[in-house]
Amino acid sequence: MLDVKLKLDRATKPSGVDLLAAVIGIFMRDGKILVTGAAGFIGFHVAQRLLGAGREVVGLDVVNDYYDPRLKEARLDMLKAVPGFSFIKLNSSIARR
């Protein structure tokens, strides 16, 4: 179950990373951030930025052949090398429904 929320305290301003996660990712109940399309250009860079800020990231992607899957796999290899990143490969037959 995902708990989608962004806690904004009127006394403090959220960080740029918090806002980025709120717009692009989904906050999960355990504090991790789900980034869809993690193997793509935008998702990869979002995940990198969040990991660089010390966040735990769960990447989700189909890794289809819309463009070179080798590029997507290379991006995922870079993300998998960073502590705090885990990846879920979505079955493409489920994604088409």
PDB file of N, CA and C in Angstrom:
ATOM      1  N   MET A   1       0.837  -1.174   0.000  1.00  0.00           N
ATOM      2  CA  MET A   1       0.000   0.000   0.000  1.00  0.00           C
ATOM      3  C   MET A   1       0.883   1.239   0.000  1.00  0.00           C
ATOM      4  N   LEU A   2       0.556   2.182  -0.830  1.00  0.00           N
ATOM      5  CA  LEU A   2       1.313   3.424  -0.902  1.00  0.00           C
ATOM      6  C   LEU A   2       0.588   4.513  -0.143  1.00  0.00           C
ATOM      7  N   ASP A   3       1.333   5.297   0.574  1.00  0.00           N
ATOM      8  CA  ASP A   3       0.770   6.423   1.297  1.00  0.00           C
ATOM      9  C   ASP A   3       1.296   7.670   0.612  1.00  0.00           C
ATOM     10  N   VAL A   4       0.472   8.304  -0.208  1.00  0.00           N
ATOM     11  CA  VAL A   4       0.906   9.445  -1.000  1.00  0.00           C
ATOM     12  C   VAL A   4       0.629  10.714  -0.213  1.00  0.00           C
ATOM     13  N   LYS A   5       1.687  11.412   0.164  1.00  0.00           N
ATOM     14  CA  LYS A   5       1.509  12.645   0.920  1.00  0.00           C
ATOM     15  C   LYS A   5       2.798  13.463   0.901  1.00  0.00           C
ATOM     16  N   LEU A   6       2.647  14.710   1.160  1.00  0.00           N
ATOM     17  CA  LEU A   6       3.788  15.599   1.355  1.00  0.00           C
ATOM     18  C   LEU A   6       3.466  16.441   2.568  1.00  0.00           C
ATOM     19  N   LYS A   7       4.296  16.311   3.588  1.00  0.00           N
ATOM     20  CA  LYS A   7       4.065  17.072   4.803  1.00  0.00           C
ATOM     21  C   LYS A   7       4.693  18.451   4.639  1.00  0.00           C
ATOM     22  N   LEU A   8       3.885  19.462   4.667  1.00  0.00           N
ATOM     23  CA  LEU A   8       4.379  20.828   4.582  1.00  0.00           C
ATOM     24  C   LEU A   8       4.033  21.553   5.870  1.00  0.00           C
ATOM     25  N   ASP A   9       5.036  21.949   6.596  1.00  0.00           N
ATOM     26  CA  ASP A   9       4.847  22.706   7.821  1.00  0.00           C
ATOM     27  C   ASP A   9       4.921  24.178   7.449  1.00  0.00           C
ATOM     28  N   ARG A  10       3.933  24.942   7.871  1.00  0.00           N
ATOM     29  CA  ARG A  10       3.903  26.369   7.521  1.00  0.00           C
ATOM     30  C   ARG A  10       5.117  27.119   8.071  1.00  0.00           C
ATOM     31  N   ALA A  11       5.723  26.594   9.118  1.00  0.00           N
ATOM     32  CA  ALA A  11       6.864  27.276   9.730  1.00  0.00           C
ATOM     33  C   ALA A  11       8.166  27.002   8.978  1.00  0.00           C
ATOM     34  N   THR A  12       8.204  25.931   8.206  1.00  0.00           N
ATOM     35  CA  THR A  12       9.426  25.598   7.483  1.00  0.00           C
ATOM     36  C   THR A  12       9.112  25.415   6.011  1.00  0.00           C
ATOM     37  N   LYS A  13      10.077  25.711   5.198  1.00  0.00           N
ATOM     38  CA  LYS A  13       9.913  25.508   3.760  1.00  0.00           C
ATOM     39  C   LYS A  13      10.454  24.131   3.400  1.00  0.00           C
ATOM     40  N   PRO A  14       9.764  23.409   2.532  1.00  0.00           N
ATOM     41  CA  PRO A  14      10.301  22.110   2.106  1.00  0.00           C
ATOM     42  C   PRO A  14      11.534  22.312   1.232  1.00  0.00           C
ATOM     43  N   SER A  15      12.414  21.328   1.255  1.00  0.00           N
ATOM     44  CA  SER A  15      13.611  21.416   0.422  1.00  0.00           C
ATOM     45  C   SER A  15      13.238  21.174  -1.035  1.00  0.00           C
ATOM     46  N   GLY A  16      14.148  21.526  -1.919  1.00  0.00           N
ATOM     47  CA  GLY A  16      13.928  21.272  -3.336  1.00  0.00           C
ATOM     48  C   GLY A  16      13.764  19.794  -3.619  1.00  0.00           C
ATOM     49  N   VAL A  17      14.491  18.953  -2.871  1.00  0.00           N
ATOM     50  CA  VAL A  17      14.378  17.511  -3.054  1.00  0.00           C
ATOM     51  C   VAL A  17      13.001  17.033  -2.615  1.00  0.00           C
ATOM     52  N   ASP A  18      12.465  17.604  -1.523  1.00  0.00           N
ATOM     53  CA  ASP A  18      11.116  17.242  -1.089  1.00  0.00           C
ATOM     54  C   ASP A  18      10.098  17.585  -2.161  1.00  0.00           C
ATOM     55  N   LEU A  19      10.225  18.761  -2.747  1.00  0.00           N
ATOM     56  CA  LEU A  19       9.289  19.173  -3.795  1.00  0.00           C
ATOM     57  C   LEU A  19       9.449  18.316  -5.038  1.00  0.00           C
ATOM     58  N   LEU A  20      10.693  17.979  -5.391  1.00  0.00           N
ATOM     59  CA  LEU A  20      10.949  17.115  -6.536  1.00  0.00           C
ATOM     60  C   LEU A  20      10.286  15.755  -6.324  1.00  0.00           C
ATOM     61  N   ALA A  21      10.458  15.201  -5.135  1.00  0.00           N
ATOM     62  CA  ALA A  21       9.847  13.909  -4.831  1.00  0.00           C
ATOM     63  C   ALA A  21       8.330  14.000  -4.861  1.00  0.00           C
ATOM     64  N   ALA A  22       7.791  15.095  -4.402  1.00  0.00           N
ATOM     65  CA  ALA A  22       6.338  15.251  -4.383  1.00  0.00           C
ATOM     66  C   ALA A  22       5.767  15.334  -5.790  1.00  0.00           C
ATOM     67  N   VAL A  23       6.487  15.944  -6.692  1.00  0.00           N
ATOM     68  CA  VAL A  23       6.007  16.116  -8.063  1.00  0.00           C
ATOM     69  C   VAL A  23       6.245  14.863  -8.894  1.00  0.00           C
ATOM     70  N   ILE A  24       7.420  14.262  -8.787  1.00  0.00           N
ATOM     71  CA  ILE A  24       7.807  13.152  -9.646  1.00  0.00           C
ATOM     72  C   ILE A  24       7.587  11.796  -8.990  1.00  0.00           C
ATOM     73  N   GLY A  25       7.901  11.680  -7.725  1.00  0.00           N
ATOM     74  CA  GLY A  25       7.842  10.392  -7.048  1.00  0.00           C
ATOM     75  C   GLY A  25       6.654  10.285  -6.120  1.00  0.00           C
ATOM     76  N   ILE A  26       6.541   9.154  -5.486  1.00  0.00           N
ATOM     77  CA  ILE A  26       5.486   8.896  -4.529  1.00  0.00           C
ATOM     78  C   ILE A  26       6.142   8.503  -3.217  1.00  0.00           C
ATOM     79  N   PHE A  27       5.764   9.186  -2.132  1.00  0.00           N
ATOM     80  CA  PHE A  27       6.275   8.821  -0.822  1.00  0.00           C
ATOM     81  C   PHE A  27       5.580   7.542  -0.383  1.00  0.00           C
ATOM     82  N   MET A  28       6.366   6.550   0.014  1.00  0.00           N
ATOM     83  CA  MET A  28       5.798   5.301   0.472  1.00  0.00           C
ATOM     84  C   MET A  28       5.734   5.324   1.998  1.00  0.00           C
ATOM     85  N   ARG A  29       4.921   4.474   2.557  1.00  0.00           N
ATOM     86  CA  ARG A  29       4.689   4.443   3.999  1.00  0.00           C
ATOM     87  C   ARG A  29       5.993   4.304   4.788  1.00  0.00           C
ATOM     88  N   ASP A  30       6.968   3.572   4.262  1.00  0.00           N
ATOM     89  CA  ASP A  30       8.221   3.360   4.988  1.00  0.00           C
ATOM     90  C   ASP A  30       9.252   4.461   4.749  1.00  0.00           C
ATOM     91  N   GLY A  31       8.852   5.531   4.092  1.00  0.00           N
ATOM     92  CA  GLY A  31       9.752   6.659   3.863  1.00  0.00           C
ATOM     93  C   GLY A  31      10.509   6.604   2.553  1.00  0.00           C
ATOM     94  N   LYS A  32      10.448   5.482   1.867  1.00  0.00           N
ATOM     95  CA  LYS A  32      11.106   5.382   0.565  1.00  0.00           C
ATOM     96  C   LYS A  32      10.291   6.164  -0.463  1.00  0.00           C
ATOM     97  N   ILE A  33      10.928   6.472  -1.569  1.00  0.00           N
ATOM     98  CA  ILE A  33      10.251   7.205  -2.639  1.00  0.00           C
ATOM     99  C   ILE A  33      10.221   6.327  -3.876  1.00  0.00           C
ATOM    100  N   LEU A  34       9.029   6.144  -4.426  1.00  0.00           N
ATOM    101  CA  LEU A  34       8.853   5.358  -5.639  1.00  0.00           C
ATOM    102  C   LEU A  34       9.029   6.276  -6.841  1.00  0.00           C
ATOM    103  N   VAL A  35       9.935   5.912  -7.735  1.00  0.00           N
ATOM    104  CA  VAL A  35      10.158   6.675  -8.957  1.00  0.00           C
ATOM    105  C   VAL A  35       9.817   5.774 -10.135  1.00  0.00           C
ATOM    106  N   THR A  36       8.767   6.129 -10.849  1.00  0.00           N
ATOM    107  CA  THR A  36       8.383   5.345 -12.016  1.00  0.00           C
ATOM    108  C   THR A  36       9.227   5.788 -13.211  1.00  0.00           C
ATOM    109  N   GLY A  37       9.459   4.852 -14.117  1.00  0.00           N
ATOM    110  CA  GLY A  37      10.291   5.167 -15.279  1.00  0.00           C
ATOM    111  C   GLY A  37      11.735   5.395 -14.901  1.00  0.00           C
ATOM    112  N   ALA A  38      12.222   4.675 -13.893  1.00  0.00           N
ATOM    113  CA  ALA A  38      13.569   4.905 -13.351  1.00  0.00           C
ATOM    114  C   ALA A  38      14.690   4.655 -14.356  1.00  0.00           C
ATOM    115  N   ALA A  39      14.423   3.880 -15.393  1.00  0.00           N
ATOM    116  CA  ALA A  39      15.458   3.614 -16.396  1.00  0.00           C
ATOM    117  C   ALA A  39      15.472   4.654 -17.509  1.00  0.00           C
ATOM    118  N   GLY A  40      14.466   5.491 -17.547  1.00  0.00           N
ATOM    119  CA  GLY A  40      14.395   6.541 -18.559  1.00  0.00           C
ATOM    120  C   GLY A  40      15.210   7.761 -18.170  1.00  0.00           C
ATOM    121  N   PHE A  41      15.288   8.710 -19.066  1.00  0.00           N
ATOM    122  CA  PHE A  41      16.119   9.903 -18.852  1.00  0.00           C
ATOM    123  C   PHE A  41      15.706  10.681 -17.602  1.00  0.00           C
ATOM    124  N   ILE A  42      14.439  11.027 -17.510  1.00  0.00           N
ATOM    125  CA  ILE A  42      13.980  11.842 -16.374  1.00  0.00           C
ATOM    126  C   ILE A  42      13.999  11.046 -15.081  1.00  0.00           C
ATOM    127  N   GLY A  43      13.429   9.835 -15.108  1.00  0.00           N
ATOM    128  CA  GLY A  43      13.380   9.014 -13.900  1.00  0.00           C
ATOM    129  C   GLY A  43      14.756   8.708 -13.341  1.00  0.00           C
ATOM    130  N   PHE A  44      15.708   8.428 -14.225  1.00  0.00           N
ATOM    131  CA  PHE A  44      17.077   8.149 -13.802  1.00  0.00           C
ATOM    132  C   PHE A  44      17.675   9.344 -13.068  1.00  0.00           C
ATOM    133  N   HIS A  45      17.516  10.530 -13.630  1.00  0.00           N
ATOM    134  CA  HIS A  45      18.101  11.722 -13.014  1.00  0.00           C
ATOM    135  C   HIS A  45      17.383  12.101 -11.719  1.00  0.00           C
ATOM    136  N   VAL A  46      16.089  11.881 -11.671  1.00  0.00           N
ATOM    137  CA  VAL A  46      15.349  12.125 -10.422  1.00  0.00           C
ATOM    138  C   VAL A  46      15.853  11.170  -9.344  1.00  0.00           C
ATOM    139  N   ALA A  47      15.974   9.891  -9.684  1.00  0.00           N
ATOM    140  CA  ALA A  47      16.452   8.902  -8.714  1.00  0.00           C
ATOM    141  C   ALA A  47      17.864   9.254  -8.237  1.00  0.00           C
ATOM    142  N   GLN A  48      18.730   9.646  -9.155  1.00  0.00           N
ATOM    143  CA  GLN A  48      20.099  10.043  -8.781  1.00  0.00           C
ATOM    144  C   GLN A  48      20.081  11.211  -7.795  1.00  0.00           C
ATOM    145  N   ARG A  49      19.259  12.181  -8.074  1.00  0.00           N
ATOM    146  CA  ARG A  49      19.190  13.374  -7.211  1.00  0.00           C
ATOM    147  C   ARG A  49      18.676  13.016  -5.819  1.00  0.00           C
ATOM    148  N   LEU A  50      17.646  12.183  -5.766  1.00  0.00           N
ATOM    149  CA  LEU A  50      17.094  11.774  -4.485  1.00  0.00           C
ATOM    150  C   LEU A  50      18.092  10.936  -3.691  1.00  0.00           C
ATOM    151  N   LEU A  51      18.764  10.006  -4.364  1.00  0.00           N
ATOM    152  CA  LEU A  51      19.783   9.196  -3.693  1.00  0.00           C
ATOM    153  C   LEU A  51      20.923  10.065  -3.185  1.00  0.00           C
ATOM    154  N   GLY A  52      21.306  11.046  -3.981  1.00  0.00           N
ATOM    155  CA  GLY A  52      22.368  11.972  -3.580  1.00  0.00           C
ATOM    156  C   GLY A  52      21.999  12.793  -2.360  1.00  0.00           C
ATOM    157  N   ALA A  53      20.694  12.956  -2.132  1.00  0.00           N
ATOM    158  CA  ALA A  53      20.214  13.696  -0.966  1.00  0.00           C
ATOM    159  C   ALA A  53      19.982  12.765   0.228  1.00  0.00           C
ATOM    160  N   GLY A  54      20.385  11.495   0.054  1.00  0.00           N
ATOM    161  CA  GLY A  54      20.279  10.559   1.164  1.00  0.00           C
ATOM    162  C   GLY A  54      18.943   9.848   1.279  1.00  0.00           C
ATOM    163  N   ARG A  55      18.097   9.961   0.276  1.00  0.00           N
ATOM    164  CA  ARG A  55      16.792   9.295   0.310  1.00  0.00           C
ATOM    165  C   ARG A  55      16.912   7.861  -0.184  1.00  0.00           C
ATOM    166  N   GLU A  56      16.002   7.016   0.263  1.00  0.00           N
ATOM    167  CA  GLU A  56      15.902   5.655  -0.260  1.00  0.00           C
ATOM    168  C   GLU A  56      14.911   5.678  -1.412  1.00  0.00           C
ATOM    169  N   VAL A  57      15.262   5.032  -2.509  1.00  0.00           N
ATOM    170  CA  VAL A  57      14.457   5.086  -3.725  1.00  0.00           C
ATOM    171  C   VAL A  57      14.142   3.666  -4.202  1.00  0.00           C
ATOM    172  N   VAL A  58      12.878   3.474  -4.576  1.00  0.00           N
ATOM    173  CA  VAL A  58      12.461   2.252  -5.249  1.00  0.00           C
ATOM    174  C   VAL A  58      12.170   2.649  -6.689  1.00  0.00           C
ATOM    175  N   GLY A  59      12.925   2.101  -7.624  1.00  0.00           N
ATOM    176  CA  GLY A  59      12.723   2.389  -9.040  1.00  0.00           C
ATOM    177  C   GLY A  59      11.794   1.360  -9.658  1.00  0.00           C
ATOM    178  N   LEU A  60      10.924   1.813 -10.528  1.00  0.00           N
ATOM    179  CA  LEU A  60       9.973   0.949 -11.213  1.00  0.00           C
ATOM    180  C   LEU A  60      10.043   1.257 -12.697  1.00  0.00           C
ATOM    181  N   ASP A  61      10.170   0.222 -13.530  1.00  0.00           N
ATOM    182  CA  ASP A  61      10.225   0.454 -14.970  1.00  0.00           C
ATOM    183  C   ASP A  61       9.898  -0.832 -15.713  1.00  0.00           C
ATOM    184  N   VAL A  62       9.409  -0.690 -16.936  1.00  0.00           N
ATOM    185  CA  VAL A  62       9.131  -1.819 -17.813  1.00  0.00           C
ATOM    186  C   VAL A  62      10.388  -2.216 -18.575  1.00  0.00           C
ATOM    187  N   VAL A  63      11.275  -1.269 -18.843  1.00  0.00           N
ATOM    188  CA  VAL A  63      12.487  -1.448 -19.646  1.00  0.00           C
ATOM    189  C   VAL A  63      12.112  -2.041 -21.009  1.00  0.00           C
ATOM    190  N   ASN A  64      11.245  -1.319 -21.698  1.00  0.00           N
ATOM    191  CA  ASN A  64      10.817  -1.755 -23.037  1.00  0.00           C
ATOM    192  C   ASN A  64      11.820  -1.291 -24.092  1.00  0.00           C
ATOM    193  N   ASP A  65      11.477  -1.494 -25.354  1.00  0.00           N
ATOM    194  CA  ASP A  65      12.391  -1.122 -26.432  1.00  0.00           C
ATOM    195  C   ASP A  65      11.970   0.166 -27.147  1.00  0.00           C
ATOM    196  N   TYR A  66      11.301   1.061 -26.416  1.00  0.00           N
ATOM    197  CA  TYR A  66      10.945   2.361 -26.997  1.00  0.00           C
ATOM    198  C   TYR A  66      12.192   3.055 -27.517  1.00  0.00           C
ATOM    199  N   TYR A  67      13.278   2.952 -26.755  1.00  0.00           N
ATOM    200  CA  TYR A  67      14.618   3.258 -27.259  1.00  0.00           C
ATOM    201  C   TYR A  67      15.567   2.242 -26.645  1.00  0.00           C
ATOM    202  N   ASP A  68      16.808   2.254 -27.010  1.00  0.00           N
ATOM    203  CA  ASP A  68      17.779   1.214 -26.717  1.00  0.00           C
ATOM    204  C   ASP A  68      17.722   0.707 -25.267  1.00  0.00           C
ATOM    205  N   PRO A  69      17.284  -0.539 -25.058  1.00  0.00           N
ATOM    206  CA  PRO A  69      17.227  -1.103 -23.712  1.00  0.00           C
ATOM    207  C   PRO A  69      18.602  -1.206 -23.050  1.00  0.00           C
ATOM    208  N   ARG A  70      19.672  -1.272 -23.861  1.00  0.00           N
ATOM    209  CA  ARG A  70      21.021  -1.321 -23.274  1.00  0.00           C
ATOM    210  C   ARG A  70      21.332  -0.032 -22.517  1.00  0.00           C
ATOM    211  N   LEU A  71      20.860   1.087 -23.034  1.00  0.00           N
ATOM    212  CA  LEU A  71      21.045   2.365 -22.341  1.00  0.00           C
ATOM    213  C   LEU A  71      20.278   2.357 -21.020  1.00  0.00           C
ATOM    214  N   LYS A  72      19.056   1.847 -21.051  1.00  0.00           N
ATOM    215  CA  LYS A  72      18.246   1.773 -19.833  1.00  0.00           C
ATOM    216  C   LYS A  72      18.903   0.850 -18.803  1.00  0.00           C
ATOM    217  N   GLU A  73      19.412  -0.291 -19.260  1.00  0.00           N
ATOM    218  CA  GLU A  73      20.085  -1.227 -18.345  1.00  0.00           C
ATOM    219  C   GLU A  73      21.344  -0.600 -17.754  1.00  0.00           C
ATOM    220  N   ALA A  74      22.070   0.164 -18.557  1.00  0.00           N
ATOM    221  CA  ALA A  74      23.273   0.846 -18.053  1.00  0.00           C
ATOM    222  C   ALA A  74      22.911   1.862 -16.973  1.00  0.00           C
ATOM    223  N   ARG A  75      21.829   2.583 -17.181  1.00  0.00           N
ATOM    224  CA  ARG A  75      21.379   3.538 -16.156  1.00  0.00           C
ATOM    225  C   ARG A  75      21.001   2.808 -14.878  1.00  0.00           C
ATOM    226  N   LEU A  76      20.276   1.700 -15.030  1.00  0.00           N
ATOM    227  CA  LEU A  76      19.874   0.930 -13.855  1.00  0.00           C
ATOM    228  C   LEU A  76      21.080   0.368 -13.118  1.00  0.00           C
ATOM    229  N   ASP A  77      22.097  -0.078 -13.853  1.00  0.00           N
ATOM    230  CA  ASP A  77      23.317  -0.573 -13.215  1.00  0.00           C
ATOM    231  C   ASP A  77      23.963   0.516 -12.366  1.00  0.00           C
ATOM    232  N   MET A  78      23.974   1.745 -12.865  1.00  0.00           N
ATOM    233  CA  MET A  78      24.546   2.856 -12.086  1.00  0.00           C
ATOM    234  C   MET A  78      23.735   3.096 -10.817  1.00  0.00           C
ATOM    235  N   LEU A  79      22.403   3.056 -10.941  1.00  0.00           N
ATOM    236  CA  LEU A  79      21.557   3.281  -9.766  1.00  0.00           C
ATOM    237  C   LEU A  79      21.687   2.139  -8.757  1.00  0.00           C
ATOM    238  N   LYS A  80      21.748   0.903  -9.253  1.00  0.00           N
ATOM    239  CA  LYS A  80      21.852  -0.257  -8.358  1.00  0.00           C
ATOM    240  C   LYS A  80      23.147  -0.255  -7.558  1.00  0.00           C
ATOM    241  N   ALA A  81      24.157   0.437  -8.050  1.00  0.00           N
ATOM    242  CA  ALA A  81      25.434   0.519  -7.347  1.00  0.00           C
ATOM    243  C   ALA A  81      25.379   1.478  -6.157  1.00  0.00           C
ATOM    244  N   VAL A  82      24.310   2.248  -6.041  1.00  0.00           N
ATOM    245  CA  VAL A  82      24.179   3.236  -4.970  1.00  0.00           C
ATOM    246  C   VAL A  82      23.366   2.626  -3.823  1.00  0.00           C
ATOM    247  N   PRO A  83      23.917   2.651  -2.596  1.00  0.00           N
ATOM    248  CA  PRO A  83      23.137   2.161  -1.459  1.00  0.00           C
ATOM    249  C   PRO A  83      21.833   2.951  -1.327  1.00  0.00           C
ATOM    250  N   GLY A  84      20.758   2.245  -1.032  1.00  0.00           N
ATOM    251  CA  GLY A  84      19.467   2.910  -0.869  1.00  0.00           C
ATOM    252  C   GLY A  84      18.572   2.784  -2.086  1.00  0.00           C
ATOM    253  N   PHE A  85      19.081   2.167  -3.160  1.00  0.00           N
ATOM    254  CA  PHE A  85      18.269   1.994  -4.363  1.00  0.00           C
ATOM    255  C   PHE A  85      17.863   0.539  -4.516  1.00  0.00           C
ATOM    256  N   SER A  86      16.600   0.318  -4.811  1.00  0.00           N
ATOM    257  CA  SER A  86      16.129  -1.016  -5.178  1.00  0.00           C
ATOM    258  C   SER A  86      15.268  -0.858  -6.424  1.00  0.00           C
ATOM    259  N   PHE A  87      15.135  -1.952  -7.177  1.00  0.00           N
ATOM    260  CA  PHE A  87      14.465  -1.874  -8.467  1.00  0.00           C
ATOM    261  C   PHE A  87      13.426  -2.969  -8.614  1.00  0.00           C
ATOM    262  N   ILE A  88      12.294  -2.598  -9.197  1.00  0.00           N
ATOM    263  CA  ILE A  88      11.238  -3.542  -9.531  1.00  0.00           C
ATOM    264  C   ILE A  88      10.999  -3.433 -11.029  1.00  0.00           C
ATOM    265  N   LYS A  89      11.187  -4.548 -11.736  1.00  0.00           N
ATOM    266  CA  LYS A  89      10.923  -4.555 -13.175  1.00  0.00           C
ATOM    267  C   LYS A  89       9.468  -4.951 -13.377  1.00  0.00           C
ATOM    268  N   LEU A  90       8.728  -4.066 -13.996  1.00  0.00           N
ATOM    269  CA  LEU A  90       7.316  -4.296 -14.256  1.00  0.00           C
ATOM    270  C   LEU A  90       7.174  -5.179 -15.485  1.00  0.00           C
ATOM    271  N   ASN A  91       6.339  -6.171 -15.397  1.00  0.00           N
ATOM    272  CA  ASN A  91       6.071  -7.070 -16.519  1.00  0.00           C
ATOM    273  C   ASN A  91       5.370  -6.290 -17.605  1.00  0.00           C
ATOM    274  N   SER A  92       5.903  -6.314 -18.824  1.00  0.00           N
ATOM    275  CA  SER A  92       5.350  -5.504 -19.910  1.00  0.00           C
ATOM    276  C   SER A  92       3.942  -5.909 -20.293  1.00  0.00           C
ATOM    277  N   SER A  93       3.559  -7.164 -20.072  1.00  0.00           N
ATOM    278  CA  SER A  93       2.185  -7.563 -20.396  1.00  0.00           C
ATOM    279  C   SER A  93       1.192  -6.938 -19.428  1.00  0.00           C
ATOM    280  N   ILE A  94       1.603  -6.712 -18.207  1.00  0.00           N
ATOM    281  CA  ILE A  94       0.741  -6.022 -17.232  1.00  0.00           C
ATOM    282  C   ILE A  94       0.635  -4.549 -17.588  1.00  0.00           C
ATOM    283  N   ALA A  95       1.746  -3.956 -18.027  1.00  0.00           N
ATOM    284  CA  ALA A  95       1.778  -2.529 -18.333  1.00  0.00           C
ATOM    285  C   ALA A  95       0.871  -2.171 -19.514  1.00  0.00           C
ATOM    286  N   ARG A  96       0.610  -3.093 -20.407  1.00  0.00           N
ATOM    287  CA  ARG A  96      -0.196  -2.800 -21.596  1.00  0.00           C
ATOM    288  C   ARG A  96      -1.685  -2.808 -21.337  1.00  0.00           C
ATOM    289  N   ARG A  97      -2.102  -3.306 -20.215  1.00  0.00           N
ATOM    290  CA  ARG A  97      -3.542  -3.383 -19.909  1.00  0.00           C
ATOM    291  C   ARG A  97      -4.150  -2.040 -19.667  1.00  0.00           C
TER     292      ARG A  97
END
